[in-house]
């Protein structure tokens, strides 16, 4: 029996999907503030409200979905990237 290792196979937070889309468009990694700004712009384009706590929510998504995102320059860095093989 083969095990499914695709991180997209399970239902994930739509915000995590937005973050992954932004990182993919930015070449796979970006500074946290740039990701927040781009996600906010995406939400505005879709007519969604941008919450005051969007930055905190995105940081929570980064931390929660470590199978999708990592800090390429180590802990303490503000740069985030997609895990290798995640696309």
PDB file of N, CA and C in Angstrom:
ATOM      1  N   UNK A   1       0.847  -1.179   0.000  1.00  0.00           N
ATOM      2  CA  UNK A   1       0.000   0.000   0.000  1.00  0.00           C
ATOM      3  C   UNK A   1       0.896   1.247   0.000  1.00  0.00           C
ATOM      4  N   UNK A   2       0.645   2.154  -0.904  1.00  0.00           N
ATOM      5  CA  UNK A   2       1.451   3.367  -0.952  1.00  0.00           C
ATOM      6  C   UNK A   2       0.818   4.445  -0.109  1.00  0.00           C
ATOM      7  N   UNK A   3       1.653   5.228   0.491  1.00  0.00           N
ATOM      8  CA  UNK A   3       1.182   6.313   1.351  1.00  0.00           C
ATOM      9  C   UNK A   3       1.215   7.616   0.560  1.00  0.00           C
ATOM     10  N   UNK A   4       0.163   8.409   0.671  1.00  0.00           N
ATOM     11  CA  UNK A   4       0.094   9.673  -0.048  1.00  0.00           C
ATOM     12  C   UNK A   4       0.887  10.724   0.710  1.00  0.00           C
ATOM     13  N   UNK A   5       1.949  11.242   0.088  1.00  0.00           N
ATOM     14  CA  UNK A   5       2.780  12.240   0.742  1.00  0.00           C
ATOM     15  C   UNK A   5       2.551  13.631   0.168  1.00  0.00           C
ATOM     16  N   UNK A   6       1.542  13.777  -0.678  1.00  0.00           N
ATOM     17  CA  UNK A   6       1.215  15.071  -1.265  1.00  0.00           C
ATOM     18  C   UNK A   6       0.571  15.952  -0.204  1.00  0.00           C
ATOM     19  N   UNK A   7       1.202  17.083   0.173  1.00  0.00           N
ATOM     20  CA  UNK A   7       0.623  17.933   1.212  1.00  0.00           C
ATOM     21  C   UNK A   7      -0.691  18.589   0.774  1.00  0.00           C
ATOM     22  N   UNK A   8      -0.961  18.631  -0.529  1.00  0.00           N
ATOM     23  CA  UNK A   8      -2.203  19.242  -1.027  1.00  0.00           C
ATOM     24  C   UNK A   8      -3.354  18.242  -1.012  1.00  0.00           C
ATOM     25  N   UNK A   9      -3.081  16.963  -0.675  1.00  0.00           N
ATOM     26  CA  UNK A   9      -4.117  15.941  -0.698  1.00  0.00           C
ATOM     27  C   UNK A   9      -5.130  16.128   0.434  1.00  0.00           C
ATOM     28  N   UNK A  10      -4.718  16.769   1.501  1.00  0.00           N
ATOM     29  CA  UNK A  10      -5.626  17.016   2.611  1.00  0.00           C
ATOM     30  C   UNK A  10      -6.154  18.447   2.516  1.00  0.00           C
ATOM     31  N   UNK A  11      -7.286  18.677   3.126  1.00  0.00           N
ATOM     32  CA  UNK A  11      -7.883  20.014   3.129  1.00  0.00           C
ATOM     33  C   UNK A  11      -7.021  20.943   3.986  1.00  0.00           C
ATOM     34  N   UNK A  12      -6.585  22.043   3.399  1.00  0.00           N
ATOM     35  CA  UNK A  12      -5.793  23.001   4.170  1.00  0.00           C
ATOM     36  C   UNK A  12      -6.498  24.350   4.184  1.00  0.00           C
ATOM     37  N   UNK A  13      -6.093  25.162   5.097  1.00  0.00           N
ATOM     38  CA  UNK A  13      -6.628  26.509   5.264  1.00  0.00           C
ATOM     39  C   UNK A  13      -6.509  27.270   3.940  1.00  0.00           C
ATOM     40  N   UNK A  14      -7.590  27.930   3.484  1.00  0.00           N
ATOM     41  CA  UNK A  14      -7.498  28.725   2.247  1.00  0.00           C
ATOM     42  C   UNK A  14      -6.410  29.794   2.313  1.00  0.00           C
ATOM     43  N   UNK A  15      -6.129  30.306   3.497  1.00  0.00           N
ATOM     44  CA  UNK A  15      -5.058  31.289   3.641  1.00  0.00           C
ATOM     45  C   UNK A  15      -3.710  30.656   3.314  1.00  0.00           C
ATOM     46  N   UNK A  16      -3.514  29.402   3.704  1.00  0.00           N
ATOM     47  CA  UNK A  16      -2.275  28.689   3.372  1.00  0.00           C
ATOM     48  C   UNK A  16      -2.162  28.517   1.864  1.00  0.00           C
ATOM     49  N   UNK A  17      -3.270  28.294   1.195  1.00  0.00           N
ATOM     50  CA  UNK A  17      -3.254  28.177  -0.259  1.00  0.00           C
ATOM     51  C   UNK A  17      -2.861  29.507  -0.899  1.00  0.00           C
ATOM     52  N   UNK A  18      -3.379  30.611  -0.351  1.00  0.00           N
ATOM     53  CA  UNK A  18      -2.995  31.937  -0.855  1.00  0.00           C
ATOM     54  C   UNK A  18      -1.504  32.195  -0.646  1.00  0.00           C
ATOM     55  N   UNK A  19      -1.015  31.863   0.528  1.00  0.00           N
ATOM     56  CA  UNK A  19       0.407  32.067   0.840  1.00  0.00           C
ATOM     57  C   UNK A  19       1.270  31.248  -0.115  1.00  0.00           C
ATOM     58  N   UNK A  20       0.901  29.993  -0.340  1.00  0.00           N
ATOM     59  CA  UNK A  20       1.666  29.143  -1.248  1.00  0.00           C
ATOM     60  C   UNK A  20       1.644  29.702  -2.672  1.00  0.00           C
ATOM     61  N   UNK A  21       0.493  30.205  -3.104  1.00  0.00           N
ATOM     62  CA  UNK A  21       0.393  30.787  -4.448  1.00  0.00           C
ATOM     63  C   UNK A  21       1.308  32.000  -4.586  1.00  0.00           C
ATOM     64  N   UNK A  22       1.345  32.832  -3.546  1.00  0.00           N
ATOM     65  CA  UNK A  22       2.223  34.013  -3.571  1.00  0.00           C
ATOM     66  C   UNK A  22       3.684  33.582  -3.636  1.00  0.00           C
ATOM     67  N   UNK A  23       4.079  32.641  -2.793  1.00  0.00           N
ATOM     68  CA  UNK A  23       5.466  32.188  -2.790  1.00  0.00           C
ATOM     69  C   UNK A  23       5.842  31.578  -4.138  1.00  0.00           C
ATOM     70  N   UNK A  24       4.929  30.819  -4.718  1.00  0.00           N
ATOM     71  CA  UNK A  24       5.216  30.206  -6.017  1.00  0.00           C
ATOM     72  C   UNK A  24       5.442  31.284  -7.077  1.00  0.00           C
ATOM     73  N   UNK A  25       4.595  32.312  -7.075  1.00  0.00           N
ATOM     74  CA  UNK A  25       4.740  33.409  -8.046  1.00  0.00           C
ATOM     75  C   UNK A  25       6.032  34.197  -7.828  1.00  0.00           C
ATOM     76  N   UNK A  26       6.526  34.203  -6.599  1.00  0.00           N
ATOM     77  CA  UNK A  26       7.734  34.956  -6.280  1.00  0.00           C
ATOM     78  C   UNK A  26       8.985  34.092  -6.388  1.00  0.00           C
ATOM     79  N   UNK A  27       8.879  32.983  -7.052  1.00  0.00           N
ATOM     80  CA  UNK A  27      10.050  32.135  -7.266  1.00  0.00           C
ATOM     81  C   UNK A  27      10.312  31.126  -6.179  1.00  0.00           C
ATOM     82  N   UNK A  28       9.381  30.955  -5.257  1.00  0.00           N
ATOM     83  CA  UNK A  28       9.522  29.935  -4.222  1.00  0.00           C
ATOM     84  C   UNK A  28       9.848  30.452  -2.840  1.00  0.00           C
ATOM     85  N   UNK A  29      10.309  31.704  -2.739  1.00  0.00           N
ATOM     86  CA  UNK A  29      10.582  32.255  -1.414  1.00  0.00           C
ATOM     87  C   UNK A  29      10.441  33.772  -1.445  1.00  0.00           C
ATOM     88  N   UNK A  30      10.172  34.331  -0.270  1.00  0.00           N
ATOM     89  CA  UNK A  30      10.007  35.789  -0.171  1.00  0.00           C
ATOM     90  C   UNK A  30      10.047  36.201   1.294  1.00  0.00           C
ATOM     91  N   UNK A  31      10.265  37.487   1.506  1.00  0.00           N
ATOM     92  CA  UNK A  31      10.232  38.057   2.851  1.00  0.00           C
ATOM     93  C   UNK A  31       8.789  38.035   3.345  1.00  0.00           C
ATOM     94  N   UNK A  32       8.622  37.816   4.615  1.00  0.00           N
ATOM     95  CA  UNK A  32       7.298  37.711   5.227  1.00  0.00           C
ATOM     96  C   UNK A  32       6.414  38.921   4.920  1.00  0.00           C
ATOM     97  N   UNK A  33       6.965  40.136   5.009  1.00  0.00           N
ATOM     98  CA  UNK A  33       6.146  41.329   4.772  1.00  0.00           C
ATOM     99  C   UNK A  33       5.659  41.404   3.328  1.00  0.00           C
ATOM    100  N   UNK A  34       6.467  40.913   2.384  1.00  0.00           N
ATOM    101  CA  UNK A  34       6.062  40.887   0.989  1.00  0.00           C
ATOM    102  C   UNK A  34       4.916  39.893   0.771  1.00  0.00           C
ATOM    103  N   UNK A  35       4.989  38.765   1.442  1.00  0.00           N
ATOM    104  CA  UNK A  35       3.916  37.773   1.350  1.00  0.00           C
ATOM    105  C   UNK A  35       2.623  38.368   1.892  1.00  0.00           C
ATOM    106  N   UNK A  36       2.697  39.033   3.038  1.00  0.00           N
ATOM    107  CA  UNK A  36       1.507  39.647   3.644  1.00  0.00           C
ATOM    108  C   UNK A  36       0.902  40.670   2.680  1.00  0.00           C
ATOM    109  N   UNK A  37       1.734  41.520   2.106  1.00  0.00           N
ATOM    110  CA  UNK A  37       1.229  42.542   1.187  1.00  0.00           C
ATOM    111  C   UNK A  37       0.568  41.923  -0.042  1.00  0.00           C
ATOM    112  N   UNK A  38       1.153  40.881  -0.581  1.00  0.00           N
ATOM    113  CA  UNK A  38       0.593  40.238  -1.768  1.00  0.00           C
ATOM    114  C   UNK A  38      -0.707  39.495  -1.455  1.00  0.00           C
ATOM    115  N   UNK A  39      -0.756  38.825  -0.316  1.00  0.00           N
ATOM    116  CA  UNK A  39      -1.994  38.143   0.073  1.00  0.00           C
ATOM    117  C   UNK A  39      -3.097  39.174   0.285  1.00  0.00           C
ATOM    118  N   UNK A  40      -2.779  40.284   0.919  1.00  0.00           N
ATOM    119  CA  UNK A  40      -3.767  41.349   1.120  1.00  0.00           C
ATOM    120  C   UNK A  40      -4.280  41.858  -0.235  1.00  0.00           C
ATOM    121  N   UNK A  41      -3.380  42.049  -1.180  1.00  0.00           N
ATOM    122  CA  UNK A  41      -3.781  42.516  -2.519  1.00  0.00           C
ATOM    123  C   UNK A  41      -4.674  41.492  -3.211  1.00  0.00           C
ATOM    124  N   UNK A  42      -4.348  40.212  -3.078  1.00  0.00           N
ATOM    125  CA  UNK A  42      -5.181  39.154  -3.674  1.00  0.00           C
ATOM    126  C   UNK A  42      -6.584  39.194  -3.084  1.00  0.00           C
ATOM    127  N   UNK A  43      -6.652  39.349  -1.765  1.00  0.00           N
ATOM    128  CA  UNK A  43      -7.958  39.393  -1.099  1.00  0.00           C
ATOM    129  C   UNK A  43      -8.770  40.593  -1.589  1.00  0.00           C
ATOM    130  N   UNK A  44      -8.138  41.742  -1.703  1.00  0.00           N
ATOM    131  CA  UNK A  44      -8.837  42.941  -2.187  1.00  0.00           C
ATOM    132  C   UNK A  44      -9.342  42.736  -3.613  1.00  0.00           C
ATOM    133  N   UNK A  45      -8.534  42.123  -4.459  1.00  0.00           N
ATOM    134  CA  UNK A  45      -8.937  41.874  -5.842  1.00  0.00           C
ATOM    135  C   UNK A  45     -10.146  40.955  -5.914  1.00  0.00           C
ATOM    136  N   UNK A  46     -10.265  40.047  -4.962  1.00  0.00           N
ATOM    137  CA  UNK A  46     -11.417  39.128  -4.927  1.00  0.00           C
ATOM    138  C   UNK A  46     -12.610  39.743  -4.216  1.00  0.00           C
ATOM    139  N   UNK A  47     -12.441  40.965  -3.704  1.00  0.00           N
ATOM    140  CA  UNK A  47     -13.533  41.629  -3.002  1.00  0.00           C
ATOM    141  C   UNK A  47     -13.694  41.198  -1.555  1.00  0.00           C
ATOM    142  N   UNK A  48     -12.674  40.575  -1.000  1.00  0.00           N
ATOM    143  CA  UNK A  48     -12.719  40.123   0.392  1.00  0.00           C
ATOM    144  C   UNK A  48     -12.202  41.220   1.308  1.00  0.00           C
ATOM    145  N   UNK A  49     -12.632  41.169   2.548  1.00  0.00           N
ATOM    146  CA  UNK A  49     -12.151  42.093   3.561  1.00  0.00           C
ATOM    147  C   UNK A  49     -10.768  41.639   4.030  1.00  0.00           C
ATOM    148  N   UNK A  50      -9.876  42.593   4.212  1.00  0.00           N
ATOM    149  CA  UNK A  50      -8.538  42.288   4.730  1.00  0.00           C
ATOM    150  C   UNK A  50      -8.556  42.567   6.227  1.00  0.00           C
ATOM    151  N   UNK A  51      -8.409  41.518   7.004  1.00  0.00           N
ATOM    152  CA  UNK A  51      -8.471  41.626   8.458  1.00  0.00           C
ATOM    153  C   UNK A  51      -7.258  42.359   9.014  1.00  0.00           C
ATOM    154  N   UNK A  52      -7.457  43.060  10.117  1.00  0.00           N
ATOM    155  CA  UNK A  52      -6.369  43.777  10.797  1.00  0.00           C
ATOM    156  C   UNK A  52      -5.255  42.823  11.233  1.00  0.00           C
ATOM    157  N   UNK A  53      -5.647  41.601  11.568  1.00  0.00           N
ATOM    158  CA  UNK A  53      -4.668  40.636  12.080  1.00  0.00           C
ATOM    159  C   UNK A  53      -4.112  39.719  10.986  1.00  0.00           C
ATOM    160  N   UNK A  54      -4.159  40.170   9.722  1.00  0.00           N
ATOM    161  CA  UNK A  54      -3.701  39.325   8.617  1.00  0.00           C
ATOM    162  C   UNK A  54      -2.248  38.891   8.805  1.00  0.00           C
ATOM    163  N   UNK A  55      -1.395  39.788   9.222  1.00  0.00           N
ATOM    164  CA  UNK A  55       0.012  39.427   9.425  1.00  0.00           C
ATOM    165  C   UNK A  55       0.135  38.293  10.437  1.00  0.00           C
ATOM    166  N   UNK A  56      -0.553  38.411  11.559  1.00  0.00           N
ATOM    167  CA  UNK A  56      -0.488  37.360  12.587  1.00  0.00           C
ATOM    168  C   UNK A  56      -1.047  36.044  12.063  1.00  0.00           C
ATOM    169  N   UNK A  57      -2.115  36.122  11.302  1.00  0.00           N
ATOM    170  CA  UNK A  57      -2.718  34.905  10.754  1.00  0.00           C
ATOM    171  C   UNK A  57      -1.780  34.229   9.759  1.00  0.00           C
ATOM    172  N   UNK A  58      -1.086  35.018   8.958  1.00  0.00           N
ATOM    173  CA  UNK A  58      -0.146  34.429   8.001  1.00  0.00           C
ATOM    174  C   UNK A  58       1.038  33.787   8.722  1.00  0.00           C
ATOM    175  N   UNK A  59       1.550  34.421   9.757  1.00  0.00           N
ATOM    176  CA  UNK A  59       2.635  33.822  10.533  1.00  0.00           C
ATOM    177  C   UNK A  59       2.170  32.499  11.142  1.00  0.00           C
ATOM    178  N   UNK A  60       0.943  32.469  11.640  1.00  0.00           N
ATOM    179  CA  UNK A  60       0.384  31.222  12.182  1.00  0.00           C
ATOM    180  C   UNK A  60       0.313  30.140  11.110  1.00  0.00           C
ATOM    181  N   UNK A  61      -0.068  30.516   9.895  1.00  0.00           N
ATOM    182  CA  UNK A  61      -0.126  29.568   8.787  1.00  0.00           C
ATOM    183  C   UNK A  61       1.266  29.029   8.483  1.00  0.00           C
ATOM    184  N   UNK A  62       2.262  29.910   8.419  1.00  0.00           N
ATOM    185  CA  UNK A  62       3.636  29.467   8.182  1.00  0.00           C
ATOM    186  C   UNK A  62       4.053  28.431   9.236  1.00  0.00           C
ATOM    187  N   UNK A  63       3.770  28.721  10.487  1.00  0.00           N
ATOM    188  CA  UNK A  63       4.181  27.830  11.580  1.00  0.00           C
ATOM    189  C   UNK A  63       3.380  26.522  11.577  1.00  0.00           C
ATOM    190  N   UNK A  64       2.106  26.611  11.291  1.00  0.00           N
ATOM    191  CA  UNK A  64       1.222  25.435  11.337  1.00  0.00           C
ATOM    192  C   UNK A  64       1.519  24.462  10.209  1.00  0.00           C
ATOM    193  N   UNK A  65       1.847  24.981   9.044  1.00  0.00           N
ATOM    194  CA  UNK A  65       2.053  24.136   7.869  1.00  0.00           C
ATOM    195  C   UNK A  65       3.538  24.015   7.536  1.00  0.00           C
ATOM    196  N   UNK A  66       4.307  23.521   8.494  1.00  0.00           N
ATOM    197  CA  UNK A  66       5.743  23.359   8.276  1.00  0.00           C
ATOM    198  C   UNK A  66       6.051  22.283   7.239  1.00  0.00           C
ATOM    199  N   UNK A  67       5.054  21.465   6.882  1.00  0.00           N
ATOM    200  CA  UNK A  67       5.266  20.514   5.802  1.00  0.00           C
ATOM    201  C   UNK A  67       5.207  21.210   4.440  1.00  0.00           C
ATOM    202  N   UNK A  68       4.707  22.449   4.405  1.00  0.00           N
ATOM    203  CA  UNK A  68       4.633  23.234   3.173  1.00  0.00           C
ATOM    204  C   UNK A  68       5.658  24.363   3.134  1.00  0.00           C
ATOM    205  N   UNK A  69       5.930  24.977   4.294  1.00  0.00           N
ATOM    206  CA  UNK A  69       6.766  26.181   4.359  1.00  0.00           C
ATOM    207  C   UNK A  69       7.939  26.002   5.322  1.00  0.00           C
ATOM    208  N   UNK A  70       9.039  26.666   5.023  1.00  0.00           N
ATOM    209  CA  UNK A  70      10.188  26.656   5.939  1.00  0.00           C
ATOM    210  C   UNK A  70      10.952  27.968   5.798  1.00  0.00           C
ATOM    211  N   UNK A  71      11.845  28.213   6.734  1.00  0.00           N
ATOM    212  CA  UNK A  71      12.692  29.407   6.711  1.00  0.00           C
ATOM    213  C   UNK A  71      14.045  29.006   6.114  1.00  0.00           C
ATOM    214  N   UNK A  72      14.309  29.400   4.858  1.00  0.00           N
ATOM    215  CA  UNK A  72      15.546  28.948   4.213  1.00  0.00           C
ATOM    216  C   UNK A  72      16.828  29.471   4.861  1.00  0.00           C
ATOM    217  N   UNK A  73      16.739  30.561   5.604  1.00  0.00           N
ATOM    218  CA  UNK A  73      17.922  31.114   6.257  1.00  0.00           C
ATOM    219  C   UNK A  73      17.922  30.820   7.751  1.00  0.00           C
ATOM    220  N   UNK A  74      17.100  29.874   8.184  1.00  0.00           N
ATOM    221  CA  UNK A  74      17.078  29.453   9.575  1.00  0.00           C
ATOM    222  C   UNK A  74      16.073  30.210  10.421  1.00  0.00           C
ATOM    223  N   UNK A  75      15.834  29.678  11.598  1.00  0.00           N
ATOM    224  CA  UNK A  75      14.896  30.286  12.527  1.00  0.00           C
ATOM    225  C   UNK A  75      15.355  31.693  12.874  1.00  0.00           C
ATOM    226  N   UNK A  76      14.408  32.579  13.002  1.00  0.00           N
ATOM    227  CA  UNK A  76      14.719  33.971  13.284  1.00  0.00           C
ATOM    228  C   UNK A  76      14.723  34.820  12.022  1.00  0.00           C
ATOM    229  N   UNK A  77      14.855  34.167  10.876  1.00  0.00           N
ATOM    230  CA  UNK A  77      14.798  34.874   9.602  1.00  0.00           C
ATOM    231  C   UNK A  77      13.348  35.235   9.296  1.00  0.00           C
ATOM    232  N   UNK A  78      13.161  36.297   8.554  1.00  0.00           N
ATOM    233  CA  UNK A  78      11.805  36.707   8.150  1.00  0.00           C
ATOM    234  C   UNK A  78      11.488  36.230   6.730  1.00  0.00           C
ATOM    235  N   UNK A  79      12.377  35.445   6.146  1.00  0.00           N
ATOM    236  CA  UNK A  79      12.157  34.939   4.804  1.00  0.00           C
ATOM    237  C   UNK A  79      11.559  33.525   4.896  1.00  0.00           C
ATOM    238  N   UNK A  80      10.552  33.285   4.071  1.00  0.00           N
ATOM    239  CA  UNK A  80       9.880  31.992   4.046  1.00  0.00           C
ATOM    240  C   UNK A  80       9.949  31.427   2.639  1.00  0.00           C
ATOM    241  N   UNK A  81       9.878  30.097   2.544  1.00  0.00           N
ATOM    242  CA  UNK A  81       9.949  29.432   1.249  1.00  0.00           C
ATOM    243  C   UNK A  81       9.033  28.209   1.244  1.00  0.00           C
ATOM    244  N   UNK A  82       8.710  27.775   0.041  1.00  0.00           N
ATOM    245  CA  UNK A  82       7.998  26.512  -0.117  1.00  0.00           C
ATOM    246  C   UNK A  82       8.974  25.374   0.107  1.00  0.00           C
ATOM    247  N   UNK A  83       8.515  24.339   0.768  1.00  0.00           N
ATOM    248  CA  UNK A  83       9.357  23.155   0.960  1.00  0.00           C
ATOM    249  C   UNK A  83       9.717  22.598  -0.427  1.00  0.00           C
ATOM    250  N   UNK A  84      10.903  22.027  -0.590  1.00  0.00           N
ATOM    251  CA  UNK A  84      11.273  21.423  -1.876  1.00  0.00           C
ATOM    252  C   UNK A  84      10.229  20.377  -2.280  1.00  0.00           C
ATOM    253  N   UNK A  85       9.849  20.416  -3.532  1.00  0.00           N
ATOM    254  CA  UNK A  85       8.870  19.459  -4.036  1.00  0.00           C
ATOM    255  C   UNK A  85       7.432  19.912  -3.914  1.00  0.00           C
ATOM    256  N   UNK A  86       7.189  21.014  -3.209  1.00  0.00           N
ATOM    257  CA  UNK A  86       5.824  21.531  -3.082  1.00  0.00           C
ATOM    258  C   UNK A  86       5.592  22.518  -4.220  1.00  0.00           C
ATOM    259  N   UNK A  87       4.591  22.236  -5.007  1.00  0.00           N
ATOM    260  CA  UNK A  87       4.280  23.146  -6.121  1.00  0.00           C
ATOM    261  C   UNK A  87       2.803  23.149  -6.408  1.00  0.00           C
TER     262      UNK A  87
END
